[in-house]
Amino acid sequence: MKVSTVVIVFVGYLFVLVGAKSFAAEPTKLLIAHGAISNNVEPLWIAKEQGIFHKYGIEADLVFIIAGRAMQAMLAGQVPVGMVGATHVVNAVTGGGDFVMILGLQNTLDYLFISRPSIKSAEELKGKKVAIGTPSGSASLATYVALDYLGLNPRRDNIVLLGIGGVPERLGALRAGSVEATSLSPEFGQVVVSEGYRVLLNTTKENVPFQSAGMVVARAMLKSNPQLVENVAKATIEGVAFVLKPSNKEIVREGLSKYGCRAAEKTVSDNGRCGLGDQADGPARA
């Protein structure tokens, strides 16, 4: 009788154990698009690398889509969560979209306006070609601000603004000599500066107030699945905290190099290194 009781109890324990595992919630697969390749995305890369997303029950798929197209994908319902600039959100909402930025990760323009080595001063950009990103994107706005600060007017000075695209395309055009200048995030800017390219203006030093990258979702998602949105926000915030902790510097450096270079694909310096890992001293700002 005692043996039977022990067997029953043991079988019951196995049933509970297996049952608990069977009914354990599977991580929610979530596609998150980031519209740029920069330190702003570090919290997401780190949250994925360090298992923070998984901690909150999220299996995050991070994909780089240039901001304008990322917003279009969100409008089409193809991407539920995006990290893009506020200008894209405003444009989408003006066009009938129903989106909201739940987190802001940067509130200033943080770009280097960089020219080819042959350009010695801003005056030499007159009559030349300058690459911008999407017309309403942060990189384009940074270029407009830089030109104005330097006393240049595209129409008056016959400066041709070319909508080249994302960082890889703009950087490629700059190196190929297709354009004479463009705005790049500090991470990539420092890479080409080490190759002899010139910084005509550092907008960060000018402290231009601007709501740049932020986490964006549809209001419908906010209403239908508030817990998921909250978990995304929590994971991102913990990612920011991880990035800002001095003792994590080397881990952040490795993550930035790994994910940043992968996202940028073939955007590498002439010596074959992406170089992003060397720029980990300026983490994202919440």
C-alpha atoms as a PDB file:
ATOM      1  CA  MET A   1       0.000   0.000   0.000  1.00  0.00           C
ATOM      2  CA  LYS A   2       2.809   2.321   0.864  1.00  0.00           C
ATOM      3  CA  VAL A   3       4.634   1.447  -2.348  1.00  0.00           C
ATOM      4  CA  SER A   4       1.487   2.138  -4.385  1.00  0.00           C
ATOM      5  CA  THR A   5       1.066   5.475  -2.677  1.00  0.00           C
ATOM      6  CA  VAL A   6       4.653   6.411  -3.434  1.00  0.00           C
ATOM      7  CA  VAL A   7       4.194   5.444  -7.095  1.00  0.00           C
ATOM      8  CA  ILE A   8       0.997   7.450  -7.393  1.00  0.00           C
ATOM      9  CA  VAL A   9       2.622  10.478  -5.781  1.00  0.00           C
ATOM     10  CA  PHE A  10       5.668  10.163  -8.066  1.00  0.00           C
ATOM     11  CA  VAL A  11       3.512   9.832 -11.193  1.00  0.00           C
ATOM     12  CA  GLY A  12       1.444  12.792 -10.055  1.00  0.00           C
ATOM     13  CA  TYR A  13       4.623  14.835  -9.592  1.00  0.00           C
ATOM     14  CA  LEU A  14       5.787  13.964 -13.115  1.00  0.00           C
ATOM     15  CA  PHE A  15       2.382  14.940 -14.505  1.00  0.00           C
ATOM     16  CA  VAL A  16       2.518  18.318 -12.784  1.00  0.00           C
ATOM     17  CA  LEU A  17       6.113  18.877 -13.898  1.00  0.00           C
ATOM     18  CA  VAL A  18       5.460  17.951 -17.536  1.00  0.00           C
ATOM     19  CA  GLY A  19       2.173  19.794 -17.518  1.00  0.00           C
ATOM     20  CA  ALA A  20       3.821  22.960 -16.231  1.00  0.00           C
ATOM     21  CA  LYS A  21       6.383  22.823 -19.008  1.00  0.00           C
ATOM     22  CA  SER A  22       3.735  22.126 -21.624  1.00  0.00           C
ATOM     23  CA  PHE A  23       1.647  25.083 -20.589  1.00  0.00           C
ATOM     24  CA  ALA A  24       4.585  27.472 -20.094  1.00  0.00           C
ATOM     25  CA  ALA A  25       4.124  30.514 -22.300  1.00  0.00           C
ATOM     26  CA  GLU A  26       6.243  30.507 -25.411  1.00  0.00           C
ATOM     27  CA  PRO A  27       8.209  33.728 -26.113  1.00  0.00           C
ATOM     28  CA  THR A  28       6.302  36.129 -28.333  1.00  0.00           C
ATOM     29  CA  LYS A  29       8.027  36.563 -31.667  1.00  0.00           C
ATOM     30  CA  LEU A  30       8.286  40.259 -32.423  1.00  0.00           C
ATOM     31  CA  LEU A  31       9.738  42.063 -35.413  1.00  0.00           C
ATOM     32  CA  ILE A  32      11.389  45.342 -34.448  1.00  0.00           C
ATOM     33  CA  ALA A  33      12.729  47.635 -37.164  1.00  0.00           C
ATOM     34  CA  HIS A  34      15.374  50.255 -36.477  1.00  0.00           C
ATOM     35  CA  GLY A  35      15.667  53.078 -38.983  1.00  0.00           C
ATOM     36  CA  ALA A  36      19.364  53.818 -38.497  1.00  0.00           C
ATOM     37  CA  ILE A  37      22.663  52.173 -37.621  1.00  0.00           C
ATOM     38  CA  SER A  38      24.020  54.065 -34.639  1.00  0.00           C
ATOM     39  CA  ASN A  39      24.536  54.084 -30.884  1.00  0.00           C
ATOM     40  CA  ASN A  40      20.793  54.693 -30.509  1.00  0.00           C
ATOM     41  CA  VAL A  41      20.166  51.065 -31.401  1.00  0.00           C
ATOM     42  CA  GLU A  42      22.661  49.728 -28.842  1.00  0.00           C
ATOM     43  CA  PRO A  43      19.995  49.137 -26.171  1.00  0.00           C
ATOM     44  CA  LEU A  44      18.092  46.876 -28.577  1.00  0.00           C
ATOM     45  CA  TRP A  45      21.178  44.946 -29.661  1.00  0.00           C
ATOM     46  CA  ILE A  46      22.246  44.536 -26.038  1.00  0.00           C
ATOM     47  CA  ALA A  47      18.740  43.545 -24.904  1.00  0.00           C
ATOM     48  CA  LYS A  48      18.785  40.779 -27.502  1.00  0.00           C
ATOM     49  CA  GLU A  49      22.388  39.695 -26.882  1.00  0.00           C
ATOM     50  CA  GLN A  50      22.054  39.634 -23.093  1.00  0.00           C
ATOM     51  CA  GLY A  51      18.698  37.851 -23.045  1.00  0.00           C
ATOM     52  CA  ILE A  52      16.788  40.847 -21.676  1.00  0.00           C
ATOM     53  CA  PHE A  53      14.065  40.573 -24.313  1.00  0.00           C
ATOM     54  CA  HIS A  54      13.747  36.867 -23.523  1.00  0.00           C
ATOM     55  CA  LYS A  55      13.442  37.725 -19.843  1.00  0.00           C
ATOM     56  CA  TYR A  56      10.258  39.589 -20.729  1.00  0.00           C
ATOM     57  CA  GLY A  57       8.939  36.797 -22.918  1.00  0.00           C
ATOM     58  CA  ILE A  58       9.955  38.332 -26.239  1.00  0.00           C
ATOM     59  CA  GLU A  59      11.825  36.688 -29.089  1.00  0.00           C
ATOM     60  CA  ALA A  60      12.973  39.849 -30.847  1.00  0.00           C
ATOM     61  CA  ASP A  61      13.916  39.914 -34.518  1.00  0.00           C
ATOM     62  CA  LEU A  62      15.858  43.143 -35.088  1.00  0.00           C
ATOM     63  CA  VAL A  63      16.055  44.357 -38.664  1.00  0.00           C
ATOM     64  CA  PHE A  64      17.523  47.508 -40.184  1.00  0.00           C
ATOM     65  CA  ILE A  65      15.144  49.322 -42.539  1.00  0.00           C
ATOM     66  CA  ILE A  66      15.904  52.935 -43.403  1.00  0.00           C
ATOM     67  CA  ALA A  67      13.548  55.046 -41.312  1.00  0.00           C
ATOM     68  CA  GLY A  68      11.210  56.282 -44.057  1.00  0.00           C
ATOM     69  CA  ARG A  69      10.655  52.763 -45.353  1.00  0.00           C
ATOM     70  CA  ALA A  70      10.377  51.394 -41.820  1.00  0.00           C
ATOM     71  CA  MET A  71       7.507  53.791 -41.182  1.00  0.00           C
ATOM     72  CA  GLN A  72       5.860  52.748 -44.440  1.00  0.00           C
ATOM     73  CA  ALA A  73       6.166  49.104 -43.366  1.00  0.00           C
ATOM     74  CA  MET A  74       4.491  49.991 -40.075  1.00  0.00           C
ATOM     75  CA  LEU A  75       1.685  51.766 -41.938  1.00  0.00           C
ATOM     76  CA  ALA A  76       1.204  48.616 -44.010  1.00  0.00           C
ATOM     77  CA  GLY A  77       1.025  46.506 -40.856  1.00  0.00           C
ATOM     78  CA  GLN A  78       4.189  44.568 -41.740  1.00  0.00           C
ATOM     79  CA  VAL A  79       6.222  45.818 -38.774  1.00  0.00           C
ATOM     80  CA  PRO A  80       4.588  46.182 -35.328  1.00  0.00           C
ATOM     81  CA  VAL A  81       7.394  48.040 -33.525  1.00  0.00           C
ATOM     82  CA  GLY A  82       9.937  50.489 -34.876  1.00  0.00           C
ATOM     83  CA  MET A  83      12.715  52.722 -33.640  1.00  0.00           C
ATOM     84  CA  VAL A  84      12.536  55.774 -35.877  1.00  0.00           C
ATOM     85  CA  GLY A  85      12.782  59.541 -35.696  1.00  0.00           C
ATOM     86  CA  ALA A  86       9.852  61.697 -34.593  1.00  0.00           C
ATOM     87  CA  THR A  87       9.612  63.380 -38.001  1.00  0.00           C
ATOM     88  CA  HIS A  88       8.588  60.090 -39.587  1.00  0.00           C
ATOM     89  CA  VAL A  89       5.937  59.536 -36.924  1.00  0.00           C
ATOM     90  CA  VAL A  90       4.523  63.030 -37.477  1.00  0.00           C
ATOM     91  CA  ASN A  91       4.381  62.461 -41.238  1.00  0.00           C
ATOM     92  CA  ALA A  92       2.657  59.100 -40.769  1.00  0.00           C
ATOM     93  CA  VAL A  93       0.078  60.502 -38.351  1.00  0.00           C
ATOM     94  CA  THR A  94      -0.547  63.480 -40.637  1.00  0.00           C
ATOM     95  CA  GLY A  95      -1.197  61.007 -43.437  1.00  0.00           C
ATOM     96  CA  GLY A  96      -3.802  59.140 -41.408  1.00  0.00           C
ATOM     97  CA  GLY A  97      -1.690  56.704 -39.415  1.00  0.00           C
ATOM     98  CA  ASP A  98      -2.372  56.167 -35.729  1.00  0.00           C
ATOM     99  CA  PHE A  99       1.031  55.833 -34.081  1.00  0.00           C
ATOM    100  CA  VAL A 100       2.616  56.925 -30.839  1.00  0.00           C
ATOM    101  CA  MET A 101       6.198  57.189 -29.626  1.00  0.00           C
ATOM    102  CA  ILE A 102       6.358  55.456 -26.258  1.00  0.00           C
ATOM    103  CA  LEU A 103      10.068  56.043 -25.570  1.00  0.00           C
ATOM    104  CA  GLY A 104      12.530  58.684 -26.720  1.00  0.00           C
ATOM    105  CA  LEU A 105      16.183  57.652 -26.808  1.00  0.00           C
ATOM    106  CA  GLN A 106      17.786  60.847 -28.087  1.00  0.00           C
ATOM    107  CA  ASN A 107      16.696  64.481 -27.898  1.00  0.00           C
ATOM    108  CA  THR A 108      19.414  66.265 -29.865  1.00  0.00           C
ATOM    109  CA  LEU A 109      20.799  66.037 -33.378  1.00  0.00           C
ATOM    110  CA  ASP A 110      23.860  63.841 -33.160  1.00  0.00           C
ATOM    111  CA  TYR A 111      25.589  63.902 -36.543  1.00  0.00           C
ATOM    112  CA  LEU A 112      28.875  64.777 -38.170  1.00  0.00           C
ATOM    113  CA  PHE A 113      28.638  66.700 -41.445  1.00  0.00           C
ATOM    114  CA  ILE A 114      31.584  65.228 -43.309  1.00  0.00           C
ATOM    115  CA  SER A 115      33.247  66.063 -46.622  1.00  0.00           C
ATOM    116  CA  ARG A 116      35.770  64.363 -48.836  1.00  0.00           C
ATOM    117  CA  PRO A 117      39.440  65.158 -48.104  1.00  0.00           C
ATOM    118  CA  SER A 118      39.598  67.395 -51.190  1.00  0.00           C
ATOM    119  CA  ILE A 119      37.072  69.822 -49.643  1.00  0.00           C
ATOM    120  CA  LYS A 120      39.039  72.212 -47.439  1.00  0.00           C
ATOM    121  CA  SER A 121      36.145  74.462 -46.344  1.00  0.00           C
ATOM    122  CA  ALA A 122      32.378  74.747 -46.536  1.00  0.00           C
ATOM    123  CA  GLU A 123      32.693  77.363 -49.303  1.00  0.00           C
ATOM    124  CA  GLU A 124      34.042  74.661 -51.589  1.00  0.00           C
ATOM    125  CA  LEU A 125      30.722  72.829 -51.451  1.00  0.00           C
ATOM    126  CA  LYS A 126      29.157  75.446 -53.720  1.00  0.00           C
ATOM    127  CA  GLY A 127      28.147  73.827 -56.974  1.00  0.00           C
ATOM    128  CA  LYS A 128      28.757  70.355 -55.527  1.00  0.00           C
ATOM    129  CA  LYS A 129      26.588  67.358 -54.624  1.00  0.00           C
ATOM    130  CA  VAL A 130      25.620  66.490 -51.046  1.00  0.00           C
ATOM    131  CA  ALA A 131      23.971  63.212 -50.022  1.00  0.00           C
ATOM    132  CA  ILE A 132      20.954  63.193 -47.718  1.00  0.00           C
ATOM    133  CA  GLY A 133      18.797  60.330 -46.477  1.00  0.00           C
ATOM    134  CA  THR A 134      15.024  60.309 -46.703  1.00  0.00           C
ATOM    135  CA  PRO A 135      13.757  63.910 -47.068  1.00  0.00           C
ATOM    136  CA  SER A 136      12.140  64.060 -43.617  1.00  0.00           C
ATOM    137  CA  GLY A 137      14.687  61.912 -41.795  1.00  0.00           C
ATOM    138  CA  SER A 138      17.023  62.957 -38.998  1.00  0.00           C
ATOM    139  CA  ALA A 139      20.131  62.682 -41.196  1.00  0.00           C
ATOM    140  CA  SER A 140      18.570  64.964 -43.801  1.00  0.00           C
ATOM    141  CA  LEU A 141      17.524  67.474 -41.158  1.00  0.00           C
ATOM    142  CA  ALA A 142      21.065  67.408 -39.773  1.00  0.00           C
ATOM    143  CA  THR A 143      22.350  68.228 -43.259  1.00  0.00           C
ATOM    144  CA  TYR A 144      19.918  71.140 -43.627  1.00  0.00           C
ATOM    145  CA  VAL A 145      20.999  72.471 -40.226  1.00  0.00           C
ATOM    146  CA  ALA A 146      24.683  72.053 -41.094  1.00  0.00           C
ATOM    147  CA  LEU A 147      24.383  73.879 -44.414  1.00  0.00           C
ATOM    148  CA  ASP A 148      22.466  76.732 -42.797  1.00  0.00           C
ATOM    149  CA  TYR A 149      24.988  76.976 -39.943  1.00  0.00           C
ATOM    150  CA  LEU A 150      27.824  77.110 -42.461  1.00  0.00           C
ATOM    151  CA  GLY A 151      26.118  79.935 -44.336  1.00  0.00           C
ATOM    152  CA  LEU A 152      25.160  77.858 -47.356  1.00  0.00           C
ATOM    153  CA  ASN A 153      21.858  77.826 -49.216  1.00  0.00           C
ATOM    154  CA  PRO A 154      21.344  74.905 -51.614  1.00  0.00           C
ATOM    155  CA  ARG A 155      19.319  76.935 -54.143  1.00  0.00           C
ATOM    156  CA  ARG A 156      21.477  80.049 -54.052  1.00  0.00           C
ATOM    157  CA  ASP A 157      24.766  78.156 -53.960  1.00  0.00           C
ATOM    158  CA  ASN A 158      23.748  75.555 -56.527  1.00  0.00           C
ATOM    159  CA  ILE A 159      24.232  72.653 -54.106  1.00  0.00           C
ATOM    160  CA  VAL A 160      22.513  69.500 -55.327  1.00  0.00           C
ATOM    161  CA  LEU A 161      20.923  67.461 -52.542  1.00  0.00           C
ATOM    162  CA  LEU A 162      20.695  63.794 -53.485  1.00  0.00           C
ATOM    163  CA  GLY A 163      18.424  61.391 -51.626  1.00  0.00           C
ATOM    164  CA  ILE A 164      20.938  58.556 -51.596  1.00  0.00           C
ATOM    165  CA  GLY A 165      19.382  56.483 -48.813  1.00  0.00           C
ATOM    166  CA  GLY A 166      20.710  54.911 -45.642  1.00  0.00           C
ATOM    167  CA  VAL A 167      24.146  54.964 -44.052  1.00  0.00           C
ATOM    168  CA  PRO A 168      25.697  52.262 -46.270  1.00  0.00           C
ATOM    169  CA  GLU A 169      24.544  54.030 -49.442  1.00  0.00           C
ATOM    170  CA  ARG A 170      25.588  57.526 -48.319  1.00  0.00           C
ATOM    171  CA  LEU A 171      28.942  56.318 -47.067  1.00  0.00           C
ATOM    172  CA  GLY A 172      29.512  54.409 -50.283  1.00  0.00           C
ATOM    173  CA  ALA A 173      28.679  57.474 -52.369  1.00  0.00           C
ATOM    174  CA  LEU A 174      31.049  59.610 -50.302  1.00  0.00           C
ATOM    175  CA  ARG A 175      33.920  57.173 -50.699  1.00  0.00           C
ATOM    176  CA  ALA A 176      33.237  56.723 -54.410  1.00  0.00           C
ATOM    177  CA  GLY A 177      33.297  60.478 -54.994  1.00  0.00           C
ATOM    178  CA  SER A 178      29.681  60.561 -56.206  1.00  0.00           C
ATOM    179  CA  VAL A 179      29.003  63.249 -53.587  1.00  0.00           C
ATOM    180  CA  GLU A 180      31.265  65.677 -51.775  1.00  0.00           C
ATOM    181  CA  ALA A 181      29.635  65.591 -48.347  1.00  0.00           C
ATOM    182  CA  THR A 182      26.979  63.950 -46.189  1.00  0.00           C
ATOM    183  CA  SER A 183      25.825  63.654 -42.583  1.00  0.00           C
ATOM    184  CA  LEU A 184      26.796  60.493 -40.695  1.00  0.00           C
ATOM    185  CA  SER A 185      26.257  59.273 -37.168  1.00  0.00           C
ATOM    186  CA  PRO A 186      29.392  59.689 -35.011  1.00  0.00           C
ATOM    187  CA  GLU A 187      30.108  55.948 -35.121  1.00  0.00           C
ATOM    188  CA  PHE A 188      30.540  55.888 -38.891  1.00  0.00           C
ATOM    189  CA  GLY A 189      31.754  59.457 -39.073  1.00  0.00           C
ATOM    190  CA  GLN A 190      34.776  58.685 -36.927  1.00  0.00           C
ATOM    191  CA  VAL A 191      35.616  55.736 -39.160  1.00  0.00           C
ATOM    192  CA  VAL A 192      35.935  57.892 -42.283  1.00  0.00           C
ATOM    193  CA  VAL A 193      37.603  60.725 -40.366  1.00  0.00           C
ATOM    194  CA  SER A 194      40.387  58.262 -39.581  1.00  0.00           C
ATOM    195  CA  GLU A 195      40.681  57.790 -43.344  1.00  0.00           C
ATOM    196  CA  GLY A 196      41.289  61.493 -43.935  1.00  0.00           C
ATOM    197  CA  TYR A 197      37.762  62.822 -44.448  1.00  0.00           C
ATOM    198  CA  ARG A 198      36.923  66.194 -42.875  1.00  0.00           C
ATOM    199  CA  VAL A 199      34.348  67.144 -40.258  1.00  0.00           C
ATOM    200  CA  LEU A 200      32.835  70.431 -41.412  1.00  0.00           C
ATOM    201  CA  LEU A 201      30.359  70.544 -38.531  1.00  0.00           C
ATOM    202  CA  ASN A 202      29.595  68.493 -35.427  1.00  0.00           C
ATOM    203  CA  THR A 203      25.897  69.118 -34.688  1.00  0.00           C
ATOM    204  CA  THR A 204      26.250  67.483 -31.280  1.00  0.00           C
ATOM    205  CA  LYS A 205      28.458  70.329 -30.088  1.00  0.00           C
ATOM    206  CA  GLU A 206      25.827  72.811 -31.256  1.00  0.00           C
ATOM    207  CA  ASN A 207      23.296  71.067 -28.957  1.00  0.00           C
ATOM    208  CA  VAL A 208      20.372  71.382 -31.389  1.00  0.00           C
ATOM    209  CA  PRO A 209      17.178  70.274 -29.564  1.00  0.00           C
ATOM    210  CA  PHE A 210      15.469  67.560 -31.563  1.00  0.00           C
ATOM    211  CA  GLN A 211      13.500  64.430 -30.744  1.00  0.00           C
ATOM    212  CA  SER A 212      15.347  61.858 -32.767  1.00  0.00           C
ATOM    213  CA  ALA A 213      15.163  58.090 -32.345  1.00  0.00           C
ATOM    214  CA  GLY A 214      12.305  56.647 -30.340  1.00  0.00           C
ATOM    215  CA  MET A 215      10.283  53.462 -29.898  1.00  0.00           C
ATOM    216  CA  VAL A 216       7.076  53.634 -31.909  1.00  0.00           C
ATOM    217  CA  VAL A 217       3.961  51.430 -31.954  1.00  0.00           C
ATOM    218  CA  ALA A 218       0.434  51.687 -33.328  1.00  0.00           C
ATOM    219  CA  ARG A 219      -2.150  52.899 -30.822  1.00  0.00           C
ATOM    220  CA  ALA A 220      -4.219  49.839 -31.733  1.00  0.00           C
ATOM    221  CA  MET A 221      -1.408  47.607 -30.464  1.00  0.00           C
ATOM    222  CA  LEU A 222      -1.140  49.721 -27.327  1.00  0.00           C
ATOM    223  CA  LYS A 223      -4.826  49.027 -26.642  1.00  0.00           C
ATOM    224  CA  SER A 224      -4.971  45.390 -27.725  1.00  0.00           C
ATOM    225  CA  ASN A 225      -1.728  44.177 -26.147  1.00  0.00           C
ATOM    226  CA  PRO A 226      -0.595  46.677 -23.500  1.00  0.00           C
ATOM    227  CA  GLN A 227       1.460  44.046 -21.648  1.00  0.00           C
ATOM    228  CA  LEU A 228       3.582  43.313 -24.728  1.00  0.00           C
ATOM    229  CA  VAL A 229       4.179  47.021 -25.307  1.00  0.00           C
ATOM    230  CA  GLU A 230       5.108  47.461 -21.646  1.00  0.00           C
ATOM    231  CA  ASN A 231       7.527  44.536 -21.854  1.00  0.00           C
ATOM    232  CA  VAL A 232       9.189  45.980 -24.960  1.00  0.00           C
ATOM    233  CA  ALA A 233       9.596  49.277 -23.131  1.00  0.00           C
ATOM    234  CA  LYS A 234      11.010  47.592 -20.021  1.00  0.00           C
ATOM    235  CA  ALA A 235      13.503  45.539 -22.038  1.00  0.00           C
ATOM    236  CA  THR A 236      14.637  48.635 -23.929  1.00  0.00           C
ATOM    237  CA  ILE A 237      15.069  50.648 -20.730  1.00  0.00           C
ATOM    238  CA  GLU A 238      17.072  47.823 -19.157  1.00  0.00           C
ATOM    239  CA  GLY A 239      19.144  47.770 -22.338  1.00  0.00           C
ATOM    240  CA  VAL A 240      19.871  51.483 -21.891  1.00  0.00           C
ATOM    241  CA  ALA A 241      20.842  50.911 -18.256  1.00  0.00           C
ATOM    242  CA  PHE A 242      23.168  48.084 -19.307  1.00  0.00           C
ATOM    243  CA  VAL A 243      24.809  50.265 -21.957  1.00  0.00           C
ATOM    244  CA  LEU A 244      25.342  53.139 -19.529  1.00  0.00           C
ATOM    245  CA  LYS A 245      26.954  50.987 -16.836  1.00  0.00           C
ATOM    246  CA  PRO A 246      30.745  51.578 -17.046  1.00  0.00           C
ATOM    247  CA  SER A 247      31.637  47.997 -16.132  1.00  0.00           C
ATOM    248  CA  ASN A 248      29.784  46.784 -19.251  1.00  0.00           C
ATOM    249  CA  LYS A 249      31.880  48.871 -21.636  1.00  0.00           C
ATOM    250  CA  GLU A 250      33.689  45.949 -23.277  1.00  0.00           C
ATOM    251  CA  ILE A 251      30.486  43.951 -23.720  1.00  0.00           C
ATOM    252  CA  VAL A 252      28.815  46.992 -25.273  1.00  0.00           C
ATOM    253  CA  ARG A 253      31.812  47.525 -27.533  1.00  0.00           C
ATOM    254  CA  GLU A 254      31.624  43.930 -28.759  1.00  0.00           C
ATOM    255  CA  GLY A 255      27.862  44.110 -29.251  1.00  0.00           C
ATOM    256  CA  LEU A 256      28.078  47.352 -31.208  1.00  0.00           C
ATOM    257  CA  SER A 257      30.734  45.892 -33.449  1.00  0.00           C
ATOM    258  CA  LYS A 258      28.858  42.626 -33.936  1.00  0.00           C
ATOM    259  CA  TYR A 259      25.363  43.902 -34.573  1.00  0.00           C
ATOM    260  CA  GLY A 260      26.273  47.275 -36.048  1.00  0.00           C
ATOM    261  CA  CYS A 261      28.563  45.797 -38.674  1.00  0.00           C
ATOM    262  CA  ARG A 262      26.094  43.044 -39.476  1.00  0.00           C
ATOM    263  CA  ALA A 263      23.331  45.608 -39.993  1.00  0.00           C
ATOM    264  CA  ALA A 264      25.560  47.791 -42.111  1.00  0.00           C
ATOM    265  CA  GLU A 265      26.517  44.757 -44.209  1.00  0.00           C
ATOM    266  CA  LYS A 266      29.430  45.891 -46.386  1.00  0.00           C
ATOM    267  CA  THR A 267      29.943  49.267 -44.761  1.00  0.00           C
ATOM    268  CA  VAL A 268      33.513  48.775 -43.620  1.00  0.00           C
ATOM    269  CA  SER A 269      36.634  50.878 -43.604  1.00  0.00           C
ATOM    270  CA  ASP A 270      39.424  50.365 -46.110  1.00  0.00           C
ATOM    271  CA  ASN A 271      41.341  48.118 -43.729  1.00  0.00           C
ATOM    272  CA  GLY A 272      38.396  45.712 -43.664  1.00  0.00           C
ATOM    273  CA  ARG A 273      37.159  46.601 -40.166  1.00  0.00           C
ATOM    274  CA  CYS A 274      33.719  47.970 -39.483  1.00  0.00           C
ATOM    275  CA  GLY A 275      35.151  50.236 -36.787  1.00  0.00           C
ATOM    276  CA  LEU A 276      31.896  50.619 -34.864  1.00  0.00           C
ATOM    277  CA  GLY A 277      33.190  48.758 -31.851  1.00  0.00           C
ATOM    278  CA  ASP A 278      35.795  51.472 -31.358  1.00  0.00           C
ATOM    279  CA  GLN A 279      33.071  54.094 -30.972  1.00  0.00           C
ATOM    280  CA  ALA A 280      31.328  52.607 -27.962  1.00  0.00           C
ATOM    281  CA  ASP A 281      32.203  55.490 -25.661  1.00  0.00           C
ATOM    282  CA  GLY A 282      29.102  57.473 -26.592  1.00  0.00           C
ATOM    283  CA  PRO A 283      26.139  55.278 -25.660  1.00  0.00           C
ATOM    284  CA  ALA A 284      22.546  56.050 -26.427  1.00  0.00           C
ATOM    285  CA  ARG A 285      20.802  58.636 -24.326  1.00  0.00           C
ATOM    286  CA  ALA A 286      17.429  57.829 -22.869  1.00  0.00           C
END
